[in-house]
Amino acid sequence: MPDLTDPDLEDIPSLVSCDFGFASTFVMGNFPNYKIAPVSNITDPGDYYVKVTLADDNPSKLTSTFTFKLTVTPLLPKVEVSAKVASVKES
């Protein structure tokens, strides 16, 4: 995310809203700390769009909106390989 700076230096920009859309089912936390934890390898993979709006606290508020694409990729299934060693008797 961009730095939270304001060129007029009279105020501090703040988060107005954060819209996670369909990703809200697996994004937890509060600004600025979020945890992204998809719960299903079958239903959650795909692209999700997140919209963040920042504003300053001037009497004539200025806002900036940023849109991010969050891509969730499926995990590859774990493959377990077991090897059995056969014993051979010599005669």
Protein backbone atom coordinates (compact mmCIF):
# COMPACT_ATOMS: atom_id res chain seq x y z
CA MET A 1 0.00 0.00 0.00
CA PRO A 2 1.17 3.56 -0.54
CA ASP A 3 2.49 5.61 2.37
CA LEU A 4 -0.09 7.52 4.35
CA THR A 5 1.19 11.03 3.67
CA ASP A 6 -0.57 14.29 2.87
CA PRO A 7 1.26 17.03 0.92
CA ASP A 8 -0.21 19.91 2.97
CA LEU A 9 1.21 18.37 6.21
CA GLU A 10 -1.73 19.71 8.21
CA ASP A 11 -3.46 16.42 8.77
CA ILE A 12 -3.00 12.69 8.63
CA PRO A 13 -4.82 10.61 6.02
CA SER A 14 -6.89 7.82 7.49
CA LEU A 15 -8.67 4.72 6.29
CA VAL A 16 -12.27 5.48 5.41
CA SER A 17 -13.28 2.06 4.16
CA CYS A 18 -11.89 -1.27 3.12
CA ASP A 19 -14.15 -3.41 0.94
CA PHE A 20 -12.90 -6.99 0.64
CA GLY A 21 -15.91 -8.09 -1.42
CA PHE A 22 -16.13 -11.88 -1.72
CA ALA A 23 -12.73 -12.23 -0.01
CA SER A 24 -14.30 -10.98 3.24
CA THR A 25 -15.12 -14.59 4.12
CA PHE A 26 -11.43 -15.35 4.68
CA VAL A 27 -9.84 -11.98 5.51
CA MET A 28 -9.72 -11.16 9.23
CA GLY A 29 -8.33 -8.30 11.27
CA ASN A 30 -8.35 -4.54 11.31
CA PHE A 31 -6.30 -1.87 9.61
CA PRO A 32 -3.34 -2.09 9.24
CA ASN A 33 -3.08 -5.76 10.28
CA TYR A 34 -5.02 -8.28 8.23
CA LYS A 35 -4.69 -12.05 7.98
CA ILE A 36 -5.63 -13.71 4.72
CA ALA A 37 -6.55 -17.34 5.33
CA PRO A 38 -8.61 -19.12 2.64
CA VAL A 39 -10.45 -22.02 4.21
CA SER A 40 -11.17 -24.26 1.24
CA ASN A 41 -8.77 -25.46 -1.41
CA ILE A 42 -11.77 -26.20 -3.63
CA THR A 43 -13.98 -23.11 -3.36
CA ASP A 44 -11.58 -20.24 -2.53
CA PRO A 45 -8.98 -20.20 -5.38
CA GLY A 46 -9.44 -17.34 -7.83
CA ASP A 47 -9.12 -13.58 -8.16
CA TYR A 48 -10.65 -11.25 -5.58
CA TYR A 49 -10.79 -7.47 -5.77
CA VAL A 50 -10.19 -5.33 -2.69
CA LYS A 51 -11.02 -1.62 -2.61
CA VAL A 52 -9.37 0.67 -0.04
CA THR A 53 -10.42 4.30 0.37
CA LEU A 54 -8.26 6.85 2.21
CA ALA A 55 -9.26 10.40 3.15
CA ASP A 56 -7.73 13.41 4.85
CA ASP A 57 -9.45 15.35 7.64
CA ASN A 58 -9.59 18.78 5.95
CA PRO A 59 -12.96 20.59 5.89
CA SER A 60 -13.07 19.84 2.13
CA LYS A 61 -12.11 16.18 2.29
CA LEU A 62 -9.99 14.69 -0.43
CA THR A 63 -10.12 10.94 -0.95
CA SER A 64 -8.11 8.38 -2.87
CA THR A 65 -9.37 4.93 -3.75
CA PHE A 66 -7.04 2.03 -4.50
CA THR A 67 -8.12 -1.30 -5.98
CA PHE A 68 -6.00 -4.40 -5.52
CA LYS A 69 -6.35 -7.84 -7.06
CA LEU A 70 -5.82 -10.65 -4.58
CA THR A 71 -5.10 -13.99 -6.26
CA VAL A 72 -5.60 -17.18 -4.27
CA THR A 73 -3.95 -20.23 -5.80
CA PRO A 74 -4.92 -23.78 -4.88
CA LEU A 75 -2.55 -25.85 -2.84
CA LEU A 76 -1.18 -28.94 -4.51
CA PRO A 77 -2.33 -32.12 -2.81
CA LYS A 78 0.17 -33.81 -0.52
CA VAL A 79 1.50 -37.04 -1.88
CA GLU A 80 2.85 -39.55 0.57
CA VAL A 81 5.13 -42.24 -0.68
CA SER A 82 5.87 -45.24 1.42
CA ALA A 83 8.45 -47.80 0.53
CA LYS A 84 8.44 -51.33 1.75
CA VAL A 85 11.67 -53.23 1.62
CA ALA A 86 11.27 -56.92 0.92
CA SER A 87 13.73 -59.20 2.58
CA VAL A 88 15.31 -61.83 0.42
CA LYS A 89 16.66 -65.03 1.86
CA GLU A 90 19.64 -66.61 0.20
CA SER A 91 19.77 -70.36 -0.10
